[in-house]
Amino acid sequence: MRVRIKGGWGVKRILPLLVLVVITVVLGSMIISVVSSEDRKAQEAWNEVLKMDEETAGQARQALALVDRLEEVRNAHPEGSEEADALQVRIIEAWPSFAGRGSSGLVELPPAPVMRKQLRFYIGRG
């Protein structure tokens, strides 16, 4: 005994619909895969930016402590001292953007309030 499936109106209508649904599901899953991959890459890039902000904030905290100590030394020794000079070098090493050329051609730091303001900004970002 053989079973024969006749291709009547029902099969002729359902088969193309079934193929269309399968194609739609495959395309949809491919799009979701691409979007999730791009989202993962964007999240990794954002995490890297956050890590760099944390590192910058840590450097800013170190430089801020040095700036505070430099101001204390300058207040105690307005004529200058070796400790103040050493602190200036350490501040420039910790935060190179503070190194500016003065009118005499020597490296000079900005005023302490300016340095504090900039450093607190970066600490706030971290």
PDB file of N, CA and C in Angstrom:
ATOM      1  N   MET A   1       0.824  -1.169   0.000  1.00  0.00           N
ATOM      2  CA  MET A   1       0.000   0.000   0.000  1.00  0.00           C
ATOM      3  C   MET A   1       0.878   1.246   0.000  1.00  0.00           C
ATOM      4  N   ARG A   2       0.627   2.114  -0.914  1.00  0.00           N
ATOM      5  CA  ARG A   2       1.390   3.338  -1.020  1.00  0.00           C
ATOM      6  C   ARG A   2       0.562   4.518  -0.580  1.00  0.00           C
ATOM      7  N   VAL A   3       1.317   5.419   0.086  1.00  0.00           N
ATOM      8  CA  VAL A   3       0.637   6.650   0.479  1.00  0.00           C
ATOM      9  C   VAL A   3       1.122   7.744  -0.466  1.00  0.00           C
ATOM     10  N   ARG A   4       0.195   8.372  -1.091  1.00  0.00           N
ATOM     11  CA  ARG A   4       0.548   9.442  -2.010  1.00  0.00           C
ATOM     12  C   ARG A   4       0.025  10.756  -1.457  1.00  0.00           C
ATOM     13  N   ILE A   5       0.943  11.750  -1.501  1.00  0.00           N
ATOM     14  CA  ILE A   5       0.511  13.086  -1.078  1.00  0.00           C
ATOM     15  C   ILE A   5       0.271  13.880  -2.337  1.00  0.00           C
ATOM     16  N   LYS A   6      -0.930  14.292  -2.444  1.00  0.00           N
ATOM     17  CA  LYS A   6      -1.266  15.064  -3.623  1.00  0.00           C
ATOM     18  C   LYS A   6      -0.982  16.531  -3.342  1.00  0.00           C
ATOM     19  N   GLY A   7      -0.438  17.193  -4.291  1.00  0.00           N
ATOM     20  CA  GLY A   7      -0.149  18.617  -4.156  1.00  0.00           C
ATOM     21  C   GLY A   7      -1.354  19.441  -4.513  1.00  0.00           C
ATOM     22  N   GLY A   8      -2.236  19.526  -3.586  1.00  0.00           N
ATOM     23  CA  GLY A   8      -3.434  20.329  -3.825  1.00  0.00           C
ATOM     24  C   GLY A   8      -3.172  21.796  -3.512  1.00  0.00           C
ATOM     25  N   TRP A   9      -4.236  22.563  -3.389  1.00  0.00           N
ATOM     26  CA  TRP A   9      -4.109  23.998  -3.123  1.00  0.00           C
ATOM     27  C   TRP A   9      -3.415  24.276  -1.790  1.00  0.00           C
ATOM     28  N   GLY A  10      -3.647  23.434  -0.809  1.00  0.00           N
ATOM     29  CA  GLY A  10      -3.058  23.646   0.517  1.00  0.00           C
ATOM     30  C   GLY A  10      -1.541  23.530   0.503  1.00  0.00           C
ATOM     31  N   VAL A  11      -1.005  22.499  -0.114  1.00  0.00           N
ATOM     32  CA  VAL A  11       0.433  22.287  -0.165  1.00  0.00           C
ATOM     33  C   VAL A  11       1.085  23.368  -1.024  1.00  0.00           C
ATOM     34  N   LYS A  12       0.446  23.752  -2.107  1.00  0.00           N
ATOM     35  CA  LYS A  12       1.005  24.770  -2.987  1.00  0.00           C
ATOM     36  C   LYS A  12       1.077  26.130  -2.297  1.00  0.00           C
ATOM     37  N   ARG A  13       0.211  26.377  -1.346  1.00  0.00           N
ATOM     38  CA  ARG A  13       0.222  27.657  -0.634  1.00  0.00           C
ATOM     39  C   ARG A  13       1.143  27.621   0.589  1.00  0.00           C
ATOM     40  N   ILE A  14       1.210  26.485   1.264  1.00  0.00           N
ATOM     41  CA  ILE A  14       1.977  26.400   2.508  1.00  0.00           C
ATOM     42  C   ILE A  14       3.476  26.284   2.235  1.00  0.00           C
ATOM     43  N   LEU A  15       3.886  25.563   1.209  1.00  0.00           N
ATOM     44  CA  LEU A  15       5.296  25.366   0.926  1.00  0.00           C
ATOM     45  C   LEU A  15       6.036  26.689   0.676  1.00  0.00           C
ATOM     46  N   PRO A  16       5.556  27.573  -0.185  1.00  0.00           N
ATOM     47  CA  PRO A  16       6.266  28.849  -0.345  1.00  0.00           C
ATOM     48  C   PRO A  16       6.270  29.679   0.939  1.00  0.00           C
ATOM     49  N   LEU A  17       5.210  29.611   1.703  1.00  0.00           N
ATOM     50  CA  LEU A  17       5.146  30.331   2.969  1.00  0.00           C
ATOM     51  C   LEU A  17       6.167  29.767   3.948  1.00  0.00           C
ATOM     52  N   LEU A  18       6.304  28.457   3.979  1.00  0.00           N
ATOM     53  CA  LEU A  18       7.281  27.808   4.838  1.00  0.00           C
ATOM     54  C   LEU A  18       8.714  28.201   4.432  1.00  0.00           C
ATOM     55  N   VAL A  19       8.985  28.231   3.144  1.00  0.00           N
ATOM     56  CA  VAL A  19      10.307  28.642   2.651  1.00  0.00           C
ATOM     57  C   VAL A  19      10.567  30.095   3.030  1.00  0.00           C
ATOM     58  N   LEU A  20       9.574  30.932   2.879  1.00  0.00           N
ATOM     59  CA  LEU A  20       9.707  32.350   3.232  1.00  0.00           C
ATOM     60  C   LEU A  20       9.982  32.517   4.721  1.00  0.00           C
ATOM     61  N   VAL A  21       9.329  31.770   5.565  1.00  0.00           N
ATOM     62  CA  VAL A  21       9.547  31.843   7.014  1.00  0.00           C
ATOM     63  C   VAL A  21      10.966  31.379   7.357  1.00  0.00           C
ATOM     64  N   VAL A  22      11.422  30.301   6.748  1.00  0.00           N
ATOM     65  CA  VAL A  22      12.771  29.800   7.007  1.00  0.00           C
ATOM     66  C   VAL A  22      13.812  30.836   6.587  1.00  0.00           C
ATOM     67  N   ILE A  23      13.649  31.428   5.410  1.00  0.00           N
ATOM     68  CA  ILE A  23      14.587  32.460   4.945  1.00  0.00           C
ATOM     69  C   ILE A  23      14.572  33.659   5.880  1.00  0.00           C
ATOM     70  N   THR A  24      13.400  34.066   6.320  1.00  0.00           N
ATOM     71  CA  THR A  24      13.281  35.203   7.237  1.00  0.00           C
ATOM     72  C   THR A  24      13.981  34.917   8.561  1.00  0.00           C
ATOM     73  N   VAL A  25      13.806  33.716   9.085  1.00  0.00           N
ATOM     74  CA  VAL A  25      14.458  33.347  10.351  1.00  0.00           C
ATOM     75  C   VAL A  25      15.977  33.334  10.185  1.00  0.00           C
ATOM     76  N   VAL A  26      16.460  32.803   9.092  1.00  0.00           N
ATOM     77  CA  VAL A  26      17.906  32.751   8.854  1.00  0.00           C
ATOM     78  C   VAL A  26      18.469  34.165   8.726  1.00  0.00           C
ATOM     79  N   LEU A  27      17.825  35.001   7.933  1.00  0.00           N
ATOM     80  CA  LEU A  27      18.291  36.390   7.778  1.00  0.00           C
ATOM     81  C   LEU A  27      18.217  37.151   9.105  1.00  0.00           C
ATOM     82  N   GLY A  28      17.157  36.953   9.834  1.00  0.00           N
ATOM     83  CA  GLY A  28      17.013  37.619  11.134  1.00  0.00           C
ATOM     84  C   GLY A  28      18.100  37.211  12.109  1.00  0.00           C
ATOM     85  N   SER A  29      18.421  35.931  12.145  1.00  0.00           N
ATOM     86  CA  SER A  29      19.474  35.474  13.057  1.00  0.00           C
ATOM     87  C   SER A  29      20.834  35.999  12.623  1.00  0.00           C
ATOM     88  N   MET A  30      21.058  36.138  11.317  1.00  0.00           N
ATOM     89  CA  MET A  30      22.319  36.703  10.838  1.00  0.00           C
ATOM     90  C   MET A  30      22.427  38.177  11.239  1.00  0.00           C
ATOM     91  N   ILE A  31      21.363  38.919  11.100  1.00  0.00           N
ATOM     92  CA  ILE A  31      21.366  40.338  11.474  1.00  0.00           C
ATOM     93  C   ILE A  31      21.599  40.484  12.967  1.00  0.00           C
ATOM     94  N   ILE A  32      20.931  39.670  13.761  1.00  0.00           N
ATOM     95  CA  ILE A  32      21.125  39.724  15.213  1.00  0.00           C
ATOM     96  C   ILE A  32      22.570  39.400  15.565  1.00  0.00           C
ATOM     97  N   SER A  33      23.155  38.431  14.894  1.00  0.00           N
ATOM     98  CA  SER A  33      24.543  38.060  15.146  1.00  0.00           C
ATOM     99  C   SER A  33      25.489  39.216  14.818  1.00  0.00           C
ATOM    100  N   VAL A  34      25.275  39.872  13.692  1.00  0.00           N
ATOM    101  CA  VAL A  34      26.129  40.999  13.302  1.00  0.00           C
ATOM    102  C   VAL A  34      25.974  42.149  14.282  1.00  0.00           C
ATOM    103  N   VAL A  35      24.763  42.469  14.650  1.00  0.00           N
ATOM    104  CA  VAL A  35      24.521  43.581  15.574  1.00  0.00           C
ATOM    105  C   VAL A  35      25.132  43.285  16.942  1.00  0.00           C
ATOM    106  N   SER A  36      24.982  42.074  17.433  1.00  0.00           N
ATOM    107  CA  SER A  36      25.551  41.744  18.744  1.00  0.00           C
ATOM    108  C   SER A  36      27.077  41.769  18.697  1.00  0.00           C
ATOM    109  N   SER A  37      27.653  41.361  17.566  1.00  0.00           N
ATOM    110  CA  SER A  37      29.109  41.421  17.420  1.00  0.00           C
ATOM    111  C   SER A  37      29.590  42.871  17.433  1.00  0.00           C
ATOM    112  N   GLU A  38      28.908  43.748  16.718  1.00  0.00           N
ATOM    113  CA  GLU A  38      29.273  45.168  16.707  1.00  0.00           C
ATOM    114  C   GLU A  38      29.088  45.783  18.090  1.00  0.00           C
ATOM    115  N   ASP A  39      28.027  45.385  18.770  1.00  0.00           N
ATOM    116  CA  ASP A  39      27.779  45.903  20.118  1.00  0.00           C
ATOM    117  C   ASP A  39      28.873  45.451  21.076  1.00  0.00           C
ATOM    118  N   ARG A  40      29.307  44.223  20.937  1.00  0.00           N
ATOM    119  CA  ARG A  40      30.381  43.703  21.781  1.00  0.00           C
ATOM    120  C   ARG A  40      31.673  44.482  21.545  1.00  0.00           C
ATOM    121  N   LYS A  41      31.980  44.768  20.283  1.00  0.00           N
ATOM    122  CA  LYS A  41      33.176  45.550  19.962  1.00  0.00           C
ATOM    123  C   LYS A  41      33.083  46.957  20.528  1.00  0.00           C
ATOM    124  N   ALA A  42      31.917  47.566  20.417  1.00  0.00           N
ATOM    125  CA  ALA A  42      31.728  48.917  20.953  1.00  0.00           C
ATOM    126  C   ALA A  42      31.864  48.907  22.477  1.00  0.00           C
ATOM    127  N   GLN A  43      31.348  47.878  23.122  1.00  0.00           N
ATOM    128  CA  GLN A  43      31.460  47.782  24.579  1.00  0.00           C
ATOM    129  C   GLN A  43      32.909  47.601  24.998  1.00  0.00           C
ATOM    130  N   GLU A  44      33.665  46.804  24.251  1.00  0.00           N
ATOM    131  CA  GLU A  44      35.080  46.621  24.554  1.00  0.00           C
ATOM    132  C   GLU A  44      35.844  47.936  24.407  1.00  0.00           C
ATOM    133  N   ALA A  45      35.526  48.697  23.368  1.00  0.00           N
ATOM    134  CA  ALA A  45      36.180  49.996  23.172  1.00  0.00           C
ATOM    135  C   ALA A  45      35.829  50.937  24.313  1.00  0.00           C
ATOM    136  N   TRP A  46      34.571  50.930  24.732  1.00  0.00           N
ATOM    137  CA  TRP A  46      34.151  51.792  25.831  1.00  0.00           C
ATOM    138  C   TRP A  46      34.840  51.384  27.134  1.00  0.00           C
ATOM    139  N   ASN A  47      34.965  50.084  27.377  1.00  0.00           N
ATOM    140  CA  ASN A  47      35.669  49.609  28.572  1.00  0.00           C
ATOM    141  C   ASN A  47      37.125  50.050  28.560  1.00  0.00           C
ATOM    142  N   GLU A  48      37.733  50.066  27.375  1.00  0.00           N
ATOM    143  CA  GLU A  48      39.120  50.524  27.267  1.00  0.00           C
ATOM    144  C   GLU A  48      39.219  52.020  27.596  1.00  0.00           C
ATOM    145  N   VAL A  49      38.252  52.797  27.134  1.00  0.00           N
ATOM    146  CA  VAL A  49      38.235  54.232  27.451  1.00  0.00           C
ATOM    147  C   VAL A  49      38.076  54.441  28.954  1.00  0.00           C
ATOM    148  N   LEU A  50      37.192  53.680  29.574  1.00  0.00           N
ATOM    149  CA  LEU A  50      36.996  53.797  31.021  1.00  0.00           C
ATOM    150  C   LEU A  50      38.257  53.418  31.785  1.00  0.00           C
ATOM    151  N   LYS A  51      38.952  52.395  31.308  1.00  0.00           N
ATOM    152  CA  LYS A  51      40.200  51.983  31.955  1.00  0.00           C
ATOM    153  C   LYS A  51      41.243  53.094  31.844  1.00  0.00           C
ATOM    154  N   MET A  52      41.339  53.707  30.673  1.00  0.00           N
ATOM    155  CA  MET A  52      42.297  54.800  30.493  1.00  0.00           C
ATOM    156  C   MET A  52      41.931  55.993  31.378  1.00  0.00           C
ATOM    157  N   ASP A  53      40.620  56.269  31.519  1.00  0.00           N
ATOM    158  CA  ASP A  53      40.191  57.349  32.417  1.00  0.00           C
ATOM    159  C   ASP A  53      40.588  57.056  33.862  1.00  0.00           C
ATOM    160  N   GLU A  54      40.452  55.799  34.287  1.00  0.00           N
ATOM    161  CA  GLU A  54      40.846  55.426  35.646  1.00  0.00           C
ATOM    162  C   GLU A  54      42.351  55.592  35.841  1.00  0.00           C
ATOM    163  N   GLU A  55      43.125  55.198  34.830  1.00  0.00           N
ATOM    164  CA  GLU A  55      44.576  55.354  34.918  1.00  0.00           C
ATOM    165  C   GLU A  55      44.959  56.833  34.991  1.00  0.00           C
ATOM    166  N   THR A  56      44.303  57.655  34.167  1.00  0.00           N
ATOM    167  CA  THR A  56      44.574  59.095  34.173  1.00  0.00           C
ATOM    168  C   THR A  56      44.197  59.701  35.516  1.00  0.00           C
ATOM    169  N   ALA A  57      43.084  59.253  36.084  1.00  0.00           N
ATOM    170  CA  ALA A  57      42.675  59.758  37.390  1.00  0.00           C
ATOM    171  C   ALA A  57      43.691  59.387  38.461  1.00  0.00           C
ATOM    172  N   GLY A  58      44.236  58.182  38.375  1.00  0.00           N
ATOM    173  CA  GLY A  58      45.271  57.768  39.331  1.00  0.00           C
ATOM    174  C   GLY A  58      46.516  58.629  39.212  1.00  0.00           C
ATOM    175  N   GLN A  59      46.933  58.916  37.984  1.00  0.00           N
ATOM    176  CA  GLN A  59      48.081  59.797  37.778  1.00  0.00           C
ATOM    177  C   GLN A  59      47.784  61.200  38.290  1.00  0.00           C
ATOM    178  N   ALA A  60      46.549  61.654  38.084  1.00  0.00           N
ATOM    179  CA  ALA A  60      46.166  62.991  38.548  1.00  0.00           C
ATOM    180  C   ALA A  60      46.186  63.055  40.078  1.00  0.00           C
ATOM    181  N   ARG A  61      45.750  61.978  40.741  1.00  0.00           N
ATOM    182  CA  ARG A  61      45.798  61.956  42.213  1.00  0.00           C
ATOM    183  C   ARG A  61      47.241  62.071  42.714  1.00  0.00           C
ATOM    184  N   GLN A  62      48.133  61.340  42.056  1.00  0.00           N
ATOM    185  CA  GLN A  62      49.546  61.404  42.440  1.00  0.00           C
ATOM    186  C   GLN A  62      50.102  62.805  42.213  1.00  0.00           C
ATOM    187  N   ALA A  63      49.790  63.383  41.070  1.00  0.00           N
ATOM    188  CA  ALA A  63      50.287  64.724  40.771  1.00  0.00           C
ATOM    189  C   ALA A  63      49.690  65.756  41.712  1.00  0.00           C
ATOM    190  N   LEU A  64      48.415  65.582  42.095  1.00  0.00           N
ATOM    191  CA  LEU A  64      47.779  66.530  43.016  1.00  0.00           C
ATOM    192  C   LEU A  64      48.467  66.511  44.372  1.00  0.00           C
ATOM    193  N   ALA A  65      48.822  65.335  44.845  1.00  0.00           N
ATOM    194  CA  ALA A  65      49.551  65.243  46.115  1.00  0.00           C
ATOM    195  C   ALA A  65      50.893  65.962  46.008  1.00  0.00           C
ATOM    196  N   LEU A  66      51.551  65.828  44.877  1.00  0.00           N
ATOM    197  CA  LEU A  66      52.830  66.514  44.672  1.00  0.00           C
ATOM    198  C   LEU A  66      52.653  68.027  44.602  1.00  0.00           C
ATOM    199  N   VAL A  67      51.577  68.466  43.959  1.00  0.00           N
ATOM    200  CA  VAL A  67      51.302  69.909  43.865  1.00  0.00           C
ATOM    201  C   VAL A  67      51.045  70.479  45.260  1.00  0.00           C
ATOM    202  N   ASP A  68      50.274  69.759  46.066  1.00  0.00           N
ATOM    203  CA  ASP A  68      50.020  70.222  47.440  1.00  0.00           C
ATOM    204  C   ASP A  68      51.324  70.314  48.227  1.00  0.00           C
ATOM    205  N   ARG A  69      52.161  69.295  48.096  1.00  0.00           N
ATOM    206  CA  ARG A  69      53.448  69.309  48.807  1.00  0.00           C
ATOM    207  C   ARG A  69      54.340  70.445  48.293  1.00  0.00           C
ATOM    208  N   LEU A  70      54.336  70.688  46.988  1.00  0.00           N
ATOM    209  CA  LEU A  70      55.134  71.778  46.416  1.00  0.00           C
ATOM    210  C   LEU A  70      54.687  73.121  46.974  1.00  0.00           C
ATOM    211  N   GLU A  71      53.396  73.317  47.090  1.00  0.00           N
ATOM    212  CA  GLU A  71      52.914  74.591  47.626  1.00  0.00           C
ATOM    213  C   GLU A  71      53.326  74.760  49.090  1.00  0.00           C
ATOM    214  N   GLU A  72      53.276  73.674  49.860  1.00  0.00           N
ATOM    215  CA  GLU A  72      53.735  73.750  51.254  1.00  0.00           C
ATOM    216  C   GLU A  72      55.216  74.128  51.319  1.00  0.00           C
ATOM    217  N   VAL A  73      56.019  73.507  50.462  1.00  0.00           N
ATOM    218  CA  VAL A  73      57.460  73.794  50.448  1.00  0.00           C
ATOM    219  C   VAL A  73      57.705  75.232  50.005  1.00  0.00           C
ATOM    220  N   ARG A  74      56.978  75.681  49.002  1.00  0.00           N
ATOM    221  CA  ARG A  74      57.151  77.067  48.536  1.00  0.00           C
ATOM    222  C   ARG A  74      56.752  78.077  49.614  1.00  0.00           C
ATOM    223  N   ASN A  75      55.693  77.765  50.360  1.00  0.00           N
ATOM    224  CA  ASN A  75      55.280  78.668  51.441  1.00  0.00           C
ATOM    225  C   ASN A  75      56.320  78.693  52.554  1.00  0.00           C
ATOM    226  N   ALA A  76      56.946  77.551  52.820  1.00  0.00           N
ATOM    227  CA  ALA A  76      57.956  77.474  53.875  1.00  0.00           C
ATOM    228  C   ALA A  76      59.285  78.099  53.426  1.00  0.00           C
ATOM    229  N   HIS A  77      59.582  77.980  52.143  1.00  0.00           N
ATOM    230  CA  HIS A  77      60.850  78.500  51.605  1.00  0.00           C
ATOM    231  C   HIS A  77      60.570  79.302  50.335  1.00  0.00           C
ATOM    232  N   PRO A  78      60.112  80.552  50.468  1.00  0.00           N
ATOM    233  CA  PRO A  78      59.770  81.334  49.281  1.00  0.00           C
ATOM    234  C   PRO A  78      60.964  81.615  48.359  1.00  0.00           C
ATOM    235  N   GLU A  79      62.166  81.574  48.930  1.00  0.00           N
ATOM    236  CA  GLU A  79      63.360  81.840  48.113  1.00  0.00           C
ATOM    237  C   GLU A  79      63.716  80.652  47.220  1.00  0.00           C
ATOM    238  N   GLY A  80      63.110  79.492  47.463  1.00  0.00           N
ATOM    239  CA  GLY A  80      63.366  78.297  46.668  1.00  0.00           C
ATOM    240  C   GLY A  80      64.183  77.289  47.444  1.00  0.00           C
ATOM    241  N   SER A  81      64.097  76.049  47.034  1.00  0.00           N
ATOM    242  CA  SER A  81      64.861  75.001  47.698  1.00  0.00           C
ATOM    243  C   SER A  81      65.055  73.831  46.740  1.00  0.00           C
ATOM    244  N   GLU A  82      65.960  72.953  47.126  1.00  0.00           N
ATOM    245  CA  GLU A  82      66.206  71.767  46.301  1.00  0.00           C
ATOM    246  C   GLU A  82      64.987  70.843  46.300  1.00  0.00           C
ATOM    247  N   GLU A  83      64.306  70.800  47.433  1.00  0.00           N
ATOM    248  CA  GLU A  83      63.101  69.957  47.506  1.00  0.00           C
ATOM    249  C   GLU A  83      62.038  70.467  46.547  1.00  0.00           C
ATOM    250  N   ALA A  84      61.880  71.779  46.443  1.00  0.00           N
ATOM    251  CA  ALA A  84      60.902  72.355  45.516  1.00  0.00           C
ATOM    252  C   ALA A  84      61.276  72.019  44.077  1.00  0.00           C
ATOM    253  N   ASP A  85      62.561  72.118  43.769  1.00  0.00           N
ATOM    254  CA  ASP A  85      63.010  71.775  42.422  1.00  0.00           C
ATOM    255  C   ASP A  85      62.745  70.297  42.108  1.00  0.00           C
ATOM    256  N   ALA A  86      63.032  69.437  43.080  1.00  0.00           N
ATOM    257  CA  ALA A  86      62.797  68.007  42.884  1.00  0.00           C
ATOM    258  C   ALA A  86      61.302  67.722  42.713  1.00  0.00           C
ATOM    259  N   LEU A  87      60.474  68.409  43.486  1.00  0.00           N
ATOM    260  CA  LEU A  87      59.019  68.227  43.363  1.00  0.00           C
ATOM    261  C   LEU A  87      58.531  68.694  41.992  1.00  0.00           C
ATOM    262  N   GLN A  88      59.083  69.781  41.491  1.00  0.00           N
ATOM    263  CA  GLN A  88      58.685  70.255  40.166  1.00  0.00           C
ATOM    264  C   GLN A  88      59.002  69.213  39.096  1.00  0.00           C
ATOM    265  N   VAL A  89      60.170  68.615  39.202  1.00  0.00           N
ATOM    266  CA  VAL A  89      60.551  67.572  38.242  1.00  0.00           C
ATOM    267  C   VAL A  89      59.601  66.386  38.353  1.00  0.00           C
ATOM    268  N   ARG A  90      59.266  65.964  39.568  1.00  0.00           N
ATOM    269  CA  ARG A  90      58.349  64.832  39.760  1.00  0.00           C
ATOM    270  C   ARG A  90      56.953  65.154  39.240  1.00  0.00           C
ATOM    271  N   ILE A  91      56.519  66.410  39.417  1.00  0.00           N
ATOM    272  CA  ILE A  91      55.195  66.811  38.902  1.00  0.00           C
ATOM    273  C   ILE A  91      55.192  66.726  37.382  1.00  0.00           C
ATOM    274  N   ILE A  92      56.246  67.200  36.749  1.00  0.00           N
ATOM    275  CA  ILE A  92      56.317  67.151  35.289  1.00  0.00           C
ATOM    276  C   ILE A  92      56.387  65.706  34.800  1.00  0.00           C
ATOM    277  N   GLU A  93      57.066  64.848  35.539  1.00  0.00           N
ATOM    278  CA  GLU A  93      57.109  63.433  35.164  1.00  0.00           C
ATOM    279  C   GLU A  93      55.732  62.793  35.308  1.00  0.00           C
ATOM    280  N   ALA A  94      55.004  63.166  36.359  1.00  0.00           N
ATOM    281  CA  ALA A  94      53.677  62.586  36.592  1.00  0.00           C
ATOM    282  C   ALA A  94      52.634  63.168  35.642  1.00  0.00           C
ATOM    283  N   TRP A  95      52.788  64.441  35.296  1.00  0.00           N
ATOM    284  CA  TRP A  95      51.797  65.120  34.461  1.00  0.00           C
ATOM    285  C   TRP A  95      52.542  66.013  33.462  1.00  0.00           C
ATOM    286  N   PRO A  96      53.005  65.450  32.342  1.00  0.00           N
ATOM    287  CA  PRO A  96      53.857  66.182  31.394  1.00  0.00           C
ATOM    288  C   PRO A  96      53.215  67.430  30.783  1.00  0.00           C
ATOM    289  N   SER A  97      51.903  67.512  30.756  1.00  0.00           N
ATOM    290  CA  SER A  97      51.275  68.678  30.134  1.00  0.00           C
ATOM    291  C   SER A  97      51.507  69.962  30.931  1.00  0.00           C
ATOM    292  N   PHE A  98      51.985  69.848  32.169  1.00  0.00           N
ATOM    293  CA  PHE A  98      52.282  71.038  32.964  1.00  0.00           C
ATOM    294  C   PHE A  98      53.611  71.683  32.573  1.00  0.00           C
ATOM    295  N   ALA A  99      54.417  70.982  31.831  1.00  0.00           N
ATOM    296  CA  ALA A  99      55.734  71.513  31.464  1.00  0.00           C
ATOM    297  C   ALA A  99      55.557  72.594  30.408  1.00  0.00           C
ATOM    298  N   GLY A 100      55.821  73.817  30.793  1.00  0.00           N
ATOM    299  CA  GLY A 100      55.733  74.929  29.863  1.00  0.00           C
ATOM    300  C   GLY A 100      57.015  75.739  29.895  1.00  0.00           C
ATOM    301  N   ARG A 101      57.318  76.391  28.808  1.00  0.00           N
ATOM    302  CA  ARG A 101      58.522  77.215  28.737  1.00  0.00           C
ATOM    303  C   ARG A 101      58.208  78.619  29.225  1.00  0.00           C
ATOM    304  N   GLY A 102      59.031  79.065  30.126  1.00  0.00           N
ATOM    305  CA  GLY A 102      58.880  80.419  30.635  1.00  0.00           C
ATOM    306  C   GLY A 102      59.600  81.415  29.741  1.00  0.00           C
ATOM    307  N   SER A 103      59.567  82.674  30.109  1.00  0.00           N
ATOM    308  CA  SER A 103      60.211  83.710  29.308  1.00  0.00           C
ATOM    309  C   SER A 103      61.734  83.540  29.298  1.00  0.00           C
ATOM    310  N   SER A 104      62.283  82.918  30.320  1.00  0.00           N
ATOM    311  CA  SER A 104      63.729  82.711  30.380  1.00  0.00           C
ATOM    312  C   SER A 104      64.168  81.453  29.628  1.00  0.00           C
ATOM    313  N   GLY A 105      63.224  80.714  29.087  1.00  0.00           N
ATOM    314  CA  GLY A 105      63.553  79.503  28.358  1.00  0.00           C
ATOM    315  C   GLY A 105      63.582  78.266  29.231  1.00  0.00           C
ATOM    316  N   LEU A 106      63.439  78.430  30.527  1.00  0.00           N
ATOM    317  CA  LEU A 106      63.422  77.295  31.453  1.00  0.00           C
ATOM    318  C   LEU A 106      62.008  76.743  31.570  1.00  0.00           C
ATOM    319  N   VAL A 107      61.930  75.504  32.004  1.00  0.00           N
ATOM    320  CA  VAL A 107      60.620  74.882  32.213  1.00  0.00           C
ATOM    321  C   VAL A 107      59.988  75.477  33.464  1.00  0.00           C
ATOM    322  N   GLU A 108      58.760  75.932  33.317  1.00  0.00           N
ATOM    323  CA  GLU A 108      58.032  76.508  34.449  1.00  0.00           C
ATOM    324  C   GLU A 108      56.676  75.837  34.571  1.00  0.00           C
ATOM    325  N   LEU A 109      56.242  75.677  35.792  1.00  0.00           N
ATOM    326  CA  LEU A 109      54.919  75.111  36.060  1.00  0.00           C
ATOM    327  C   LEU A 109      53.894  76.228  36.117  1.00  0.00           C
ATOM    328  N   PRO A 110      52.641  75.918  35.777  1.00  0.00           N
ATOM    329  CA  PRO A 110      51.578  76.903  35.966  1.00  0.00           C
ATOM    330  C   PRO A 110      51.361  77.134  37.466  1.00  0.00           C
ATOM    331  N   PRO A 111      50.601  78.162  37.831  1.00  0.00           N
ATOM    332  CA  PRO A 111      50.307  78.384  39.252  1.00  0.00           C
ATOM    333  C   PRO A 111      49.568  77.183  39.860  1.00  0.00           C
ATOM    334  N   ALA A 112      49.756  76.992  41.136  1.00  0.00           N
ATOM    335  CA  ALA A 112      49.165  75.836  41.834  1.00  0.00           C
ATOM    336  C   ALA A 112      47.641  75.763  41.685  1.00  0.00           C
ATOM    337  N   PRO A 113      46.888  76.882  41.793  1.00  0.00           N
ATOM    338  CA  PRO A 113      45.431  76.762  41.624  1.00  0.00           C
ATOM    339  C   PRO A 113      45.027  76.249  40.235  1.00  0.00           C
ATOM    340  N   VAL A 114      45.779  76.639  39.222  1.00  0.00           N
ATOM    341  CA  VAL A 114      45.478  76.166  37.857  1.00  0.00           C
ATOM    342  C   VAL A 114      45.742  74.668  37.757  1.00  0.00           C
ATOM    343  N   MET A 115      46.864  74.229  38.327  1.00  0.00           N
ATOM    344  CA  MET A 115      47.178  72.797  38.289  1.00  0.00           C
ATOM    345  C   MET A 115      46.131  72.003  39.061  1.00  0.00           C
ATOM    346  N   ARG A 116      45.741  72.507  40.231  1.00  0.00           N
ATOM    347  CA  ARG A 116      44.724  71.802  41.037  1.00  0.00           C
ATOM    348  C   ARG A 116      43.415  71.666  40.270  1.00  0.00           C
ATOM    349  N   LYS A 117      43.004  72.739  39.618  1.00  0.00           N
ATOM    350  CA  LYS A 117      41.731  72.720  38.892  1.00  0.00           C
ATOM    351  C   LYS A 117      41.765  71.660  37.789  1.00  0.00           C
ATOM    352  N   GLN A 118      42.857  71.633  37.030  1.00  0.00           N
ATOM    353  CA  GLN A 118      42.968  70.659  35.958  1.00  0.00           C
ATOM    354  C   GLN A 118      43.029  69.237  36.506  1.00  0.00           C
ATOM    355  N   LEU A 119      43.784  69.026  37.545  1.00  0.00           N
ATOM    356  CA  LEU A 119      43.911  67.680  38.118  1.00  0.00           C
ATOM    357  C   LEU A 119      42.594  67.202  38.718  1.00  0.00           C
ATOM    358  N   ARG A 120      41.885  68.081  39.386  1.00  0.00           N
ATOM    359  CA  ARG A 120      40.579  67.685  39.964  1.00  0.00           C
ATOM    360  C   ARG A 120      39.583  67.322  38.871  1.00  0.00           C
ATOM    361  N   PHE A 121      39.680  68.004  37.732  1.00  0.00           N
ATOM    362  CA  PHE A 121      38.814  67.654  36.603  1.00  0.00           C
ATOM    363  C   PHE A 121      39.059  66.211  36.176  1.00  0.00           C
ATOM    364  N   TYR A 122      40.332  65.836  36.023  1.00  0.00           N
ATOM    365  CA  TYR A 122      40.647  64.463  35.594  1.00  0.00           C
ATOM    366  C   TYR A 122      40.340  63.446  36.680  1.00  0.00           C
ATOM    367  N   ILE A 123      40.488  63.835  37.954  1.00  0.00           N
ATOM    368  CA  ILE A 123      40.123  62.923  39.030  1.00  0.00           C
ATOM    369  C   ILE A 123      38.623  62.677  39.011  1.00  0.00           C
ATOM    370  N   GLY A 124      37.845  63.717  38.734  1.00  0.00           N
ATOM    371  CA  GLY A 124      36.396  63.576  38.658  1.00  0.00           C
ATOM    372  C   GLY A 124      35.934  62.683  37.521  1.00  0.00           C
ATOM    373  N   ARG A 125      36.684  62.650  36.439  1.00  0.00           N
ATOM    374  CA  ARG A 125      36.323  61.808  35.309  1.00  0.00           C
ATOM    375  C   ARG A 125      36.572  60.335  35.587  1.00  0.00           C
ATOM    376  N   GLY A 126      37.545  60.066  36.483  1.00  0.00           N
ATOM    377  CA  GLY A 126      37.900  58.663  36.770  1.00  0.00           C
ATOM    378  C   GLY A 126      36.961  58.119  37.763  1.00  0.00           C
TER     379      GLY A 126
END
